[in-house]
Amino acid sequence: MRLPANKFDLDAVYELEAAGYPAIAPLLDDLVAWTADGNWPVARPIADLLVSTGTAFPCLSPRPPSSSSRSTAPSPHSPFSASSSPSTNTTSPSDARGEDGPLGES
């Protein structure tokens, strides 16, 4: 069981579906990020998987500001995580259409 490696990695989604809930519970917050663009091939099957869990997602719930030390930075497994190359930290329209993911990483 693993998170998608890129927006075309449907095999990872099928593995997650086979594992089911609660096995995928530790990955739920990271999976939400893969639904950000409905045009990504993994977006709809992941959204369906998330809905099938019947779980509330704290990352989507509005909450009052707090002095919590929890970081709001994206997870390293998120499709929005920064890579080691500074040039992939920004997304231009051509980058967004890249084959590997939303940041156009290769």
PDB file of N, CA and C in Angstrom:
ATOM      1  N   MET A   1       0.850  -1.168   0.000  1.00  0.00           N
ATOM      2  CA  MET A   1       0.000   0.000   0.000  1.00  0.00           C
ATOM      3  C   MET A   1       0.899   1.236   0.000  1.00  0.00           C
ATOM      4  N   ARG A   2       0.601   2.159  -0.921  1.00  0.00           N
ATOM      5  CA  ARG A   2       1.415   3.361  -1.048  1.00  0.00           C
ATOM      6  C   ARG A   2       0.582   4.498  -1.611  1.00  0.00           C
ATOM      7  N   LEU A   3       1.072   5.700  -1.438  1.00  0.00           N
ATOM      8  CA  LEU A   3       0.447   6.868  -2.038  1.00  0.00           C
ATOM      9  C   LEU A   3       0.816   6.913  -3.515  1.00  0.00           C
ATOM     10  N   PRO A   4       0.015   7.576  -4.331  1.00  0.00           N
ATOM     11  CA  PRO A   4       0.376   7.704  -5.742  1.00  0.00           C
ATOM     12  C   PRO A   4       1.725   8.395  -5.904  1.00  0.00           C
ATOM     13  N   ALA A   5       2.502   7.923  -6.857  1.00  0.00           N
ATOM     14  CA  ALA A   5       3.794   8.536  -7.160  1.00  0.00           C
ATOM     15  C   ALA A   5       3.613   9.757  -8.058  1.00  0.00           C
ATOM     16  N   ASN A   6       2.532   9.757  -8.843  1.00  0.00           N
ATOM     17  CA  ASN A   6       2.226  10.876  -9.725  1.00  0.00           C
ATOM     18  C   ASN A   6       0.733  10.843 -10.032  1.00  0.00           C
ATOM     19  N   LYS A   7       0.263  11.813 -10.786  1.00  0.00           N
ATOM     20  CA  LYS A   7      -1.181  11.928 -11.019  1.00  0.00           C
ATOM     21  C   LYS A   7      -1.740  10.831 -11.937  1.00  0.00           C
ATOM     22  N   PHE A   8      -0.885  10.024 -12.510  1.00  0.00           N
ATOM     23  CA  PHE A   8      -1.328   8.922 -13.361  1.00  0.00           C
ATOM     24  C   PHE A   8      -1.219   7.559 -12.672  1.00  0.00           C
ATOM     25  N   ASP A   9      -0.806   7.525 -11.432  1.00  0.00           N
ATOM     26  CA  ASP A   9      -0.527   6.278 -10.714  1.00  0.00           C
ATOM     27  C   ASP A   9      -1.803   5.626 -10.164  1.00  0.00           C
ATOM     28  N   LEU A  10      -2.608   5.111 -11.061  1.00  0.00           N
ATOM     29  CA  LEU A  10      -3.858   4.456 -10.660  1.00  0.00           C
ATOM     30  C   LEU A  10      -3.612   3.130  -9.943  1.00  0.00           C
ATOM     31  N   ASP A  11      -2.478   2.484 -10.212  1.00  0.00           N
ATOM     32  CA  ASP A  11      -2.164   1.239  -9.518  1.00  0.00           C
ATOM     33  C   ASP A  11      -2.093   1.462  -8.005  1.00  0.00           C
ATOM     34  N   ALA A  12      -1.524   2.589  -7.586  1.00  0.00           N
ATOM     35  CA  ALA A  12      -1.458   2.900  -6.156  1.00  0.00           C
ATOM     36  C   ALA A  12      -2.862   3.079  -5.588  1.00  0.00           C
ATOM     37  N   VAL A  13      -3.738   3.702  -6.356  1.00  0.00           N
ATOM     38  CA  VAL A  13      -5.117   3.903  -5.902  1.00  0.00           C
ATOM     39  C   VAL A  13      -5.804   2.547  -5.737  1.00  0.00           C
ATOM     40  N   TYR A  14      -5.584   1.636  -6.669  1.00  0.00           N
ATOM     41  CA  TYR A  14      -6.201   0.305  -6.572  1.00  0.00           C
ATOM     42  C   TYR A  14      -5.683  -0.446  -5.348  1.00  0.00           C
ATOM     43  N   GLU A  15      -4.398  -0.265  -5.039  1.00  0.00           N
ATOM     44  CA  GLU A  15      -3.833  -0.892  -3.837  1.00  0.00           C
ATOM     45  C   GLU A  15      -4.494  -0.335  -2.574  1.00  0.00           C
ATOM     46  N   LEU A  16      -4.721   0.977  -2.558  1.00  0.00           N
ATOM     47  CA  LEU A  16      -5.368   1.613  -1.411  1.00  0.00           C
ATOM     48  C   LEU A  16      -6.812   1.126  -1.266  1.00  0.00           C
ATOM     49  N   GLU A  17      -7.506   1.011  -2.391  1.00  0.00           N
ATOM     50  CA  GLU A  17      -8.886   0.498  -2.353  1.00  0.00           C
ATOM     51  C   GLU A  17      -8.917  -0.919  -1.811  1.00  0.00           C
ATOM     52  N   ALA A  18      -7.968  -1.742  -2.241  1.00  0.00           N
ATOM     53  CA  ALA A  18      -7.918  -3.133  -1.774  1.00  0.00           C
ATOM     54  C   ALA A  18      -7.616  -3.203  -0.283  1.00  0.00           C
ATOM     55  N   ALA A  19      -6.768  -2.305   0.200  1.00  0.00           N
ATOM     56  CA  ALA A  19      -6.425  -2.299   1.625  1.00  0.00           C
ATOM     57  C   ALA A  19      -7.616  -1.852   2.458  1.00  0.00           C
ATOM     58  N   GLY A  20      -8.358  -0.876   1.951  1.00  0.00           N
ATOM     59  CA  GLY A  20      -9.553  -0.409   2.638  1.00  0.00           C
ATOM     60  C   GLY A  20      -9.287   0.348   3.932  1.00  0.00           C
ATOM     61  N   TYR A  21     -10.391   0.809   4.504  1.00  0.00           N
ATOM     62  CA  TYR A  21     -10.336   1.518   5.774  1.00  0.00           C
ATOM     63  C   TYR A  21     -10.561   0.502   6.873  1.00  0.00           C
ATOM     64  N   PRO A  22      -9.848   0.502   7.943  1.00  0.00           N
ATOM     65  CA  PRO A  22      -9.015   1.533   8.536  1.00  0.00           C
ATOM     66  C   PRO A  22      -7.534   1.441   8.168  1.00  0.00           C
ATOM     67  N   ALA A  23      -7.145   0.501   7.320  1.00  0.00           N
ATOM     68  CA  ALA A  23      -5.723   0.367   6.964  1.00  0.00           C
ATOM     69  C   ALA A  23      -5.162   1.641   6.341  1.00  0.00           C
ATOM     70  N   ILE A  24      -5.985   2.368   5.591  1.00  0.00           N
ATOM     71  CA  ILE A  24      -5.495   3.585   4.931  1.00  0.00           C
ATOM     72  C   ILE A  24      -5.642   4.828   5.804  1.00  0.00           C
ATOM     73  N   ALA A  25      -6.141   4.684   7.010  1.00  0.00           N
ATOM     74  CA  ALA A  25      -6.378   5.836   7.899  1.00  0.00           C
ATOM     75  C   ALA A  25      -5.167   6.754   8.044  1.00  0.00           C
ATOM     76  N   PRO A  26      -3.949   6.244   8.200  1.00  0.00           N
ATOM     77  CA  PRO A  26      -2.799   7.155   8.343  1.00  0.00           C
ATOM     78  C   PRO A  26      -2.520   7.995   7.093  1.00  0.00           C
ATOM     79  N   LEU A  27      -3.083   7.624   5.959  1.00  0.00           N
ATOM     80  CA  LEU A  27      -2.807   8.314   4.698  1.00  0.00           C
ATOM     81  C   LEU A  27      -3.915   9.278   4.276  1.00  0.00           C
ATOM     82  N   LEU A  28      -4.999   9.347   5.023  1.00  0.00           N
ATOM     83  CA  LEU A  28      -6.166  10.105   4.589  1.00  0.00           C
ATOM     84  C   LEU A  28      -5.860  11.569   4.290  1.00  0.00           C
ATOM     85  N   ASP A  29      -5.154  12.252   5.169  1.00  0.00           N
ATOM     86  CA  ASP A  29      -4.856  13.664   4.921  1.00  0.00           C
ATOM     87  C   ASP A  29      -4.038  13.851   3.645  1.00  0.00           C
ATOM     88  N   ASP A  30      -3.096  12.966   3.400  1.00  0.00           N
ATOM     89  CA  ASP A  30      -2.291  13.060   2.182  1.00  0.00           C
ATOM     90  C   ASP A  30      -3.127  12.762   0.942  1.00  0.00           C
ATOM     91  N   LEU A  31      -4.070  11.862   1.063  1.00  0.00           N
ATOM     92  CA  LEU A  31      -4.915  11.517  -0.081  1.00  0.00           C
ATOM     93  C   LEU A  31      -5.821  12.668  -0.487  1.00  0.00           C
ATOM     94  N   VAL A  32      -6.271  13.465   0.460  1.00  0.00           N
ATOM     95  CA  VAL A  32      -7.135  14.603   0.140  1.00  0.00           C
ATOM     96  C   VAL A  32      -6.456  15.525  -0.869  1.00  0.00           C
ATOM     97  N   ALA A  33      -5.160  15.738  -0.729  1.00  0.00           N
ATOM     98  CA  ALA A  33      -4.437  16.631  -1.642  1.00  0.00           C
ATOM     99  C   ALA A  33      -4.487  16.139  -3.087  1.00  0.00           C
ATOM    100  N   TRP A  34      -4.603  14.838  -3.287  1.00  0.00           N
ATOM    101  CA  TRP A  34      -4.639  14.279  -4.644  1.00  0.00           C
ATOM    102  C   TRP A  34      -5.981  14.510  -5.330  1.00  0.00           C
ATOM    103  N   THR A  35      -6.945  15.124  -4.643  1.00  0.00           N
ATOM    104  CA  THR A  35      -8.236  15.432  -5.249  1.00  0.00           C
ATOM    105  C   THR A  35      -8.324  16.901  -5.649  1.00  0.00           C
ATOM    106  N   ALA A  36      -7.230  17.636  -5.523  1.00  0.00           N
ATOM    107  CA  ALA A  36      -7.234  19.082  -5.764  1.00  0.00           C
ATOM    108  C   ALA A  36      -7.630  19.457  -7.185  1.00  0.00           C
ATOM    109  N   ASP A  37      -7.293  18.653  -8.144  1.00  0.00           N
ATOM    110  CA  ASP A  37      -7.629  18.945  -9.543  1.00  0.00           C
ATOM    111  C   ASP A  37      -8.401  17.762 -10.101  1.00  0.00           C
ATOM    112  N   GLY A  38      -9.661  17.977 -10.364  1.00  0.00           N
ATOM    113  CA  GLY A  38     -10.527  16.916 -10.864  1.00  0.00           C
ATOM    114  C   GLY A  38     -10.115  16.361 -12.210  1.00  0.00           C
ATOM    115  N   ASN A  39      -9.186  17.020 -12.887  1.00  0.00           N
ATOM    116  CA  ASN A  39      -8.704  16.525 -14.180  1.00  0.00           C
ATOM    117  C   ASN A  39      -7.598  15.482 -14.045  1.00  0.00           C
ATOM    118  N   TRP A  40      -7.000  15.364 -12.866  1.00  0.00           N
ATOM    119  CA  TRP A  40      -5.975  14.347 -12.654  1.00  0.00           C
ATOM    120  C   TRP A  40      -6.636  12.981 -12.661  1.00  0.00           C
ATOM    121  N   PRO A  41      -6.085  12.021 -13.345  1.00  0.00           N
ATOM    122  CA  PRO A  41      -6.702  10.694 -13.397  1.00  0.00           C
ATOM    123  C   PRO A  41      -6.924  10.048 -12.023  1.00  0.00           C
ATOM    124  N   VAL A  42      -6.077  10.344 -11.038  1.00  0.00           N
ATOM    125  CA  VAL A  42      -6.249   9.738  -9.716  1.00  0.00           C
ATOM    126  C   VAL A  42      -7.292  10.458  -8.868  1.00  0.00           C
ATOM    127  N   ALA A  43      -7.685  11.676  -9.247  1.00  0.00           N
ATOM    128  CA  ALA A  43      -8.549  12.493  -8.392  1.00  0.00           C
ATOM    129  C   ALA A  43      -9.897  11.841  -8.090  1.00  0.00           C
ATOM    130  N   ARG A  44     -10.615  11.415  -9.099  1.00  0.00           N
ATOM    131  CA  ARG A  44     -11.957  10.865  -8.880  1.00  0.00           C
ATOM    132  C   ARG A  44     -11.930   9.552  -8.094  1.00  0.00           C
ATOM    133  N   PRO A  45     -11.067   8.585  -8.470  1.00  0.00           N
ATOM    134  CA  PRO A  45     -11.050   7.346  -7.685  1.00  0.00           C
ATOM    135  C   PRO A  45     -10.633   7.580  -6.231  1.00  0.00           C
ATOM    136  N   ILE A  46      -9.741   8.532  -5.996  1.00  0.00           N
ATOM    137  CA  ILE A  46      -9.356   8.820  -4.607  1.00  0.00           C
ATOM    138  C   ILE A  46     -10.514   9.492  -3.882  1.00  0.00           C
ATOM    139  N   ALA A  47     -11.192  10.417  -4.537  1.00  0.00           N
ATOM    140  CA  ALA A  47     -12.356  11.064  -3.914  1.00  0.00           C
ATOM    141  C   ALA A  47     -13.405  10.006  -3.548  1.00  0.00           C
ATOM    142  N   ASP A  48     -13.664   9.086  -4.451  1.00  0.00           N
ATOM    143  CA  ASP A  48     -14.625   8.010  -4.163  1.00  0.00           C
ATOM    144  C   ASP A  48     -14.163   7.160  -2.990  1.00  0.00           C
ATOM    145  N   LEU A  49     -12.870   6.877  -2.935  1.00  0.00           N
ATOM    146  CA  LEU A  49     -12.310   6.102  -1.832  1.00  0.00           C
ATOM    147  C   LEU A  49     -12.486   6.846  -0.510  1.00  0.00           C
ATOM    148  N   LEU A  50     -12.205   8.137  -0.513  1.00  0.00           N
ATOM    149  CA  LEU A  50     -12.348   8.935   0.703  1.00  0.00           C
ATOM    150  C   LEU A  50     -13.797   8.969   1.181  1.00  0.00           C
ATOM    151  N   VAL A  51     -14.721   9.134   0.253  1.00  0.00           N
ATOM    152  CA  VAL A  51     -16.134   9.154   0.615  1.00  0.00           C
ATOM    153  C   VAL A  51     -16.552   7.810   1.194  1.00  0.00           C
ATOM    154  N   SER A  52     -16.037   6.735   0.636  1.00  0.00           N
ATOM    155  CA  SER A  52     -16.430   5.397   1.098  1.00  0.00           C
ATOM    156  C   SER A  52     -15.975   5.107   2.523  1.00  0.00           C
ATOM    157  N   THR A  53     -14.978   5.858   3.026  1.00  0.00           N
ATOM    158  CA  THR A  53     -14.518   5.621   4.400  1.00  0.00           C
ATOM    159  C   THR A  53     -15.512   6.139   5.417  1.00  0.00           C
ATOM    160  N   GLY A  54     -16.324   7.131   5.031  1.00  0.00           N
ATOM    161  CA  GLY A  54     -17.280   7.706   5.968  1.00  0.00           C
ATOM    162  C   GLY A  54     -16.601   8.462   7.094  1.00  0.00           C
ATOM    163  N   THR A  55     -15.381   8.884   6.884  1.00  0.00           N
ATOM    164  CA  THR A  55     -14.588   9.540   7.912  1.00  0.00           C
ATOM    165  C   THR A  55     -14.617  11.050   7.736  1.00  0.00           C
ATOM    166  N   ALA A  56     -14.688  11.772   8.859  1.00  0.00           N
ATOM    167  CA  ALA A  56     -14.565  13.227   8.825  1.00  0.00           C
ATOM    168  C   ALA A  56     -13.084  13.562   8.716  1.00  0.00           C
ATOM    169  N   PHE A  57     -12.768  14.568   7.939  1.00  0.00           N
ATOM    170  CA  PHE A  57     -11.379  14.942   7.725  1.00  0.00           C
ATOM    171  C   PHE A  57     -11.086  16.257   8.423  1.00  0.00           C
ATOM    172  N   PRO A  58     -10.357  16.206   9.537  1.00  0.00           N
ATOM    173  CA  PRO A  58     -10.037  17.439  10.257  1.00  0.00           C
ATOM    174  C   PRO A  58      -9.321  18.464   9.387  1.00  0.00           C
ATOM    175  N   CYS A  59      -8.557  18.006   8.410  1.00  0.00           N
ATOM    176  CA  CYS A  59      -7.826  18.947   7.563  1.00  0.00           C
ATOM    177  C   CYS A  59      -8.775  19.773   6.702  1.00  0.00           C
ATOM    178  N   LEU A  60     -10.017  19.346   6.539  1.00  0.00           N
ATOM    179  CA  LEU A  60     -10.985  20.083   5.736  1.00  0.00           C
ATOM    180  C   LEU A  60     -11.960  20.889   6.577  1.00  0.00           C
ATOM    181  N   SER A  61     -11.962  20.666   7.879  1.00  0.00           N
ATOM    182  CA  SER A  61     -12.891  21.346   8.769  1.00  0.00           C
ATOM    183  C   SER A  61     -12.340  22.711   9.157  1.00  0.00           C
ATOM    184  N   PRO A  62     -13.202  23.738   9.086  1.00  0.00           N
ATOM    185  CA  PRO A  62     -12.726  25.042   9.544  1.00  0.00           C
ATOM    186  C   PRO A  62     -12.494  24.979  11.051  1.00  0.00           C
ATOM    187  N   ARG A  63     -11.431  25.584  11.494  1.00  0.00           N
ATOM    188  CA  ARG A  63     -11.169  25.611  12.921  1.00  0.00           C
ATOM    189  C   ARG A  63     -10.656  26.988  13.299  1.00  0.00           C
ATOM    190  N   PRO A  64     -10.943  27.387  14.510  1.00  0.00           N
ATOM    191  CA  PRO A  64     -10.488  28.717  14.937  1.00  0.00           C
ATOM    192  C   PRO A  64      -8.970  28.742  15.037  1.00  0.00           C
ATOM    193  N   PRO A  65      -8.380  29.924  14.870  1.00  0.00           N
ATOM    194  CA  PRO A  65      -6.929  30.022  15.013  1.00  0.00           C
ATOM    195  C   PRO A  65      -6.522  29.603  16.422  1.00  0.00           C
ATOM    196  N   SER A  66      -5.405  28.939  16.510  1.00  0.00           N
ATOM    197  CA  SER A  66      -4.916  28.521  17.816  1.00  0.00           C
ATOM    198  C   SER A  66      -3.424  28.733  17.877  1.00  0.00           C
ATOM    199  N   SER A  67      -2.902  28.576  19.046  1.00  0.00           N
ATOM    200  CA  SER A  67      -1.459  28.708  19.224  1.00  0.00           C
ATOM    201  C   SER A  67      -0.791  27.352  19.108  1.00  0.00           C
ATOM    202  N   SER A  68      -1.455  26.443  18.438  1.00  0.00           N
ATOM    203  CA  SER A  68      -0.931  25.089  18.257  1.00  0.00           C
ATOM    204  C   SER A  68       0.397  25.131  17.517  1.00  0.00           C
ATOM    205  N   SER A  69       1.244  24.197  17.832  1.00  0.00           N
ATOM    206  CA  SER A  69       2.539  24.131  17.164  1.00  0.00           C
ATOM    207  C   SER A  69       2.477  23.288  15.893  1.00  0.00           C
ATOM    208  N   ARG A  70       1.288  22.809  15.540  1.00  0.00           N
ATOM    209  CA  ARG A  70       1.166  21.980  14.343  1.00  0.00           C
ATOM    210  C   ARG A  70       1.481  22.799  13.097  1.00  0.00           C
ATOM    211  N   SER A  71       2.289  22.245  12.255  1.00  0.00           N
ATOM    212  CA  SER A  71       2.702  22.918  11.032  1.00  0.00           C
ATOM    213  C   SER A  71       1.583  22.871  10.003  1.00  0.00           C
ATOM    214  N   THR A  72       1.452  23.939   9.225  1.00  0.00           N
ATOM    215  CA  THR A  72       0.478  23.953   8.143  1.00  0.00           C
ATOM    216  C   THR A  72       1.147  23.667   6.809  1.00  0.00           C
ATOM    217  N   ALA A  73       2.403  23.301   6.829  1.00  0.00           N
ATOM    218  CA  ALA A  73       3.128  22.974   5.601  1.00  0.00           C
ATOM    219  C   ALA A  73       2.592  21.674   5.018  1.00  0.00           C
ATOM    220  N   PRO A  74       2.646  21.515   3.703  1.00  0.00           N
ATOM    221  CA  PRO A  74       2.156  20.277   3.109  1.00  0.00           C
ATOM    222  C   PRO A  74       2.984  19.080   3.558  1.00  0.00           C
ATOM    223  N   SER A  75       2.323  17.965   3.615  1.00  0.00           N
ATOM    224  CA  SER A  75       2.994  16.725   3.961  1.00  0.00           C
ATOM    225  C   SER A  75       4.038  16.396   2.904  1.00  0.00           C
ATOM    226  N   PRO A  76       5.114  15.714   3.276  1.00  0.00           N
ATOM    227  CA  PRO A  76       6.104  15.343   2.253  1.00  0.00           C
ATOM    228  C   PRO A  76       5.548  14.370   1.228  1.00  0.00           C
ATOM    229  N   HIS A  77       4.395  13.768   1.518  1.00  0.00           N
ATOM    230  CA  HIS A  77       3.778  12.824   0.589  1.00  0.00           C
ATOM    231  C   HIS A  77       2.680  13.475  -0.241  1.00  0.00           C
ATOM    232  N   SER A  78       2.467  14.750  -0.032  1.00  0.00           N
ATOM    233  CA  SER A  78       1.435  15.488  -0.741  1.00  0.00           C
ATOM    234  C   SER A  78       1.902  15.799  -2.160  1.00  0.00           C
ATOM    235  N   PRO A  79       0.985  15.904  -3.119  1.00  0.00           N
ATOM    236  CA  PRO A  79       1.403  16.282  -4.468  1.00  0.00           C
ATOM    237  C   PRO A  79       1.902  17.719  -4.513  1.00  0.00           C
ATOM    238  N   PHE A  80       1.723  18.480  -3.420  1.00  0.00           N
ATOM    239  CA  PHE A  80       2.144  19.865  -3.376  1.00  0.00           C
ATOM    240  C   PHE A  80       3.430  20.068  -2.600  1.00  0.00           C
ATOM    241  N   SER A  81       4.088  18.989  -2.192  1.00  0.00           N
ATOM    242  CA  SER A  81       5.313  19.140  -1.423  1.00  0.00           C
ATOM    243  C   SER A  81       6.430  19.661  -2.311  1.00  0.00           C
ATOM    244  N   ALA A  82       7.300  20.423  -1.695  1.00  0.00           N
ATOM    245  CA  ALA A  82       8.425  20.995  -2.439  1.00  0.00           C
ATOM    246  C   ALA A  82       9.445  19.915  -2.737  1.00  0.00           C
ATOM    247  N   SER A  83      10.101  20.045  -3.854  1.00  0.00           N
ATOM    248  CA  SER A  83      11.154  19.095  -4.183  1.00  0.00           C
ATOM    249  C   SER A  83      12.501  19.747  -3.892  1.00  0.00           C
ATOM    250  N   SER A  84      13.555  19.027  -4.122  1.00  0.00           N
ATOM    251  CA  SER A  84      14.885  19.564  -3.852  1.00  0.00           C
ATOM    252  C   SER A  84      15.290  20.628  -4.859  1.00  0.00           C
ATOM    253  N   SER A  85      14.622  20.694  -5.989  1.00  0.00           N
ATOM    254  CA  SER A  85      14.966  21.668  -7.012  1.00  0.00           C
ATOM    255  C   SER A  85      14.121  22.924  -6.841  1.00  0.00           C
ATOM    256  N   PRO A  86      14.750  24.089  -6.647  1.00  0.00           N
ATOM    257  CA  PRO A  86      13.979  25.311  -6.460  1.00  0.00           C
ATOM    258  C   PRO A  86      13.096  25.638  -7.656  1.00  0.00           C
ATOM    259  N   SER A  87      13.453  25.211  -8.835  1.00  0.00           N
ATOM    260  CA  SER A  87      12.666  25.544 -10.013  1.00  0.00           C
ATOM    261  C   SER A  87      11.323  24.845 -10.028  1.00  0.00           C
ATOM    262  N   THR A  88      11.131  23.786  -9.241  1.00  0.00           N
ATOM    263  CA  THR A  88       9.844  23.099  -9.237  1.00  0.00           C
ATOM    264  C   THR A  88       8.946  23.577  -8.115  1.00  0.00           C
ATOM    265  N   ASN A  89       9.380  24.577  -7.350  1.00  0.00           N
ATOM    266  CA  ASN A  89       8.551  25.087  -6.268  1.00  0.00           C
ATOM    267  C   ASN A  89       7.483  26.044  -6.764  1.00  0.00           C
ATOM    268  N   THR A  90       7.564  26.486  -7.993  1.00  0.00           N
ATOM    269  CA  THR A  90       6.547  27.361  -8.554  1.00  0.00           C
ATOM    270  C   THR A  90       5.867  26.620  -9.690  1.00  0.00           C
ATOM    271  N   THR A  91       4.621  26.943  -9.881  1.00  0.00           N
ATOM    272  CA  THR A  91       3.854  26.250 -10.906  1.00  0.00           C
ATOM    273  C   THR A  91       3.404  27.242 -11.956  1.00  0.00           C
ATOM    274  N   SER A  92       3.827  27.045 -13.169  1.00  0.00           N
ATOM    275  CA  SER A  92       3.330  27.837 -14.279  1.00  0.00           C
ATOM    276  C   SER A  92       2.298  26.980 -15.004  1.00  0.00           C
ATOM    277  N   PRO A  93       1.508  27.570 -15.880  1.00  0.00           N
ATOM    278  CA  PRO A  93       0.520  26.756 -16.600  1.00  0.00           C
ATOM    279  C   PRO A  93       1.133  25.550 -17.300  1.00  0.00           C
ATOM    280  N   SER A  94       2.334  25.696 -17.854  1.00  0.00           N
ATOM    281  CA  SER A  94       2.936  24.545 -18.529  1.00  0.00           C
ATOM    282  C   SER A  94       3.378  23.496 -17.518  1.00  0.00           C
ATOM    283  N   ASP A  95       3.850  23.923 -16.315  1.00  0.00           N
ATOM    284  CA  ASP A  95       4.233  22.964 -15.280  1.00  0.00           C
ATOM    285  C   ASP A  95       3.028  22.162 -14.811  1.00  0.00           C
ATOM    286  N   ALA A  96       1.886  22.826 -14.696  1.00  0.00           N
ATOM    287  CA  ALA A  96       0.691  22.163 -14.180  1.00  0.00           C
ATOM    288  C   ALA A  96       0.242  21.029 -15.093  1.00  0.00           C
ATOM    289  N   ARG A  97       0.647  21.062 -16.349  1.00  0.00           N
ATOM    290  CA  ARG A  97       0.271  19.995 -17.278  1.00  0.00           C
ATOM    291  C   ARG A  97       1.353  18.933 -17.378  1.00  0.00           C
ATOM    292  N   GLY A  98       2.353  18.993 -16.501  1.00  0.00           N
ATOM    293  CA  GLY A  98       3.432  18.033 -16.550  1.00  0.00           C
ATOM    294  C   GLY A  98       2.935  16.615 -16.358  1.00  0.00           C
ATOM    295  N   GLU A  99       3.688  15.642 -16.788  1.00  0.00           N
ATOM    296  CA  GLU A  99       3.244  14.261 -16.746  1.00  0.00           C
ATOM    297  C   GLU A  99       3.291  13.647 -15.378  1.00  0.00           C
ATOM    298  N   ASP A 100       4.200  14.087 -14.509  1.00  0.00           N
ATOM    299  CA  ASP A 100       4.392  13.392 -13.252  1.00  0.00           C
ATOM    300  C   ASP A 100       3.536  13.913 -12.125  1.00  0.00           C
ATOM    301  N   GLY A 101       3.120  15.118 -12.157  1.00  0.00           N
ATOM    302  CA  GLY A 101       2.335  15.639 -11.059  1.00  0.00           C
ATOM    303  C   GLY A 101       2.081  17.116 -11.229  1.00  0.00           C
ATOM    304  N   PRO A 102       1.437  17.700 -10.234  1.00  0.00           N
ATOM    305  CA  PRO A 102       1.022  19.080 -10.353  1.00  0.00           C
ATOM    306  C   PRO A 102       2.177  20.068 -10.429  1.00  0.00           C
ATOM    307  N   LEU A 103       3.351  19.680  -9.976  1.00  0.00           N
ATOM    308  CA  LEU A 103       4.495  20.573 -10.026  1.00  0.00           C
ATOM    309  C   LEU A 103       5.396  20.306 -11.216  1.00  0.00           C
ATOM    310  N   GLY A 104       5.026  19.377 -12.054  1.00  0.00           N
ATOM    311  CA  GLY A 104       5.787  19.082 -13.257  1.00  0.00           C
ATOM    312  C   GLY A 104       7.109  18.384 -12.995  1.00  0.00           C
ATOM    313  N   GLU A 105       7.228  17.707 -11.848  1.00  0.00           N
ATOM    314  CA  GLU A 105       8.488  17.034 -11.569  1.00  0.00           C
ATOM    315  C   GLU A 105       8.643  15.827 -12.464  1.00  0.00           C
ATOM    316  N   SER A 106       9.853  15.488 -12.796  1.00  0.00           N
ATOM    317  CA  SER A 106      10.106  14.370 -13.713  1.00  0.00           C
ATOM    318  C   SER A 106      10.613  13.168 -12.974  1.00  0.00           C
TER     319      SER A 106
END
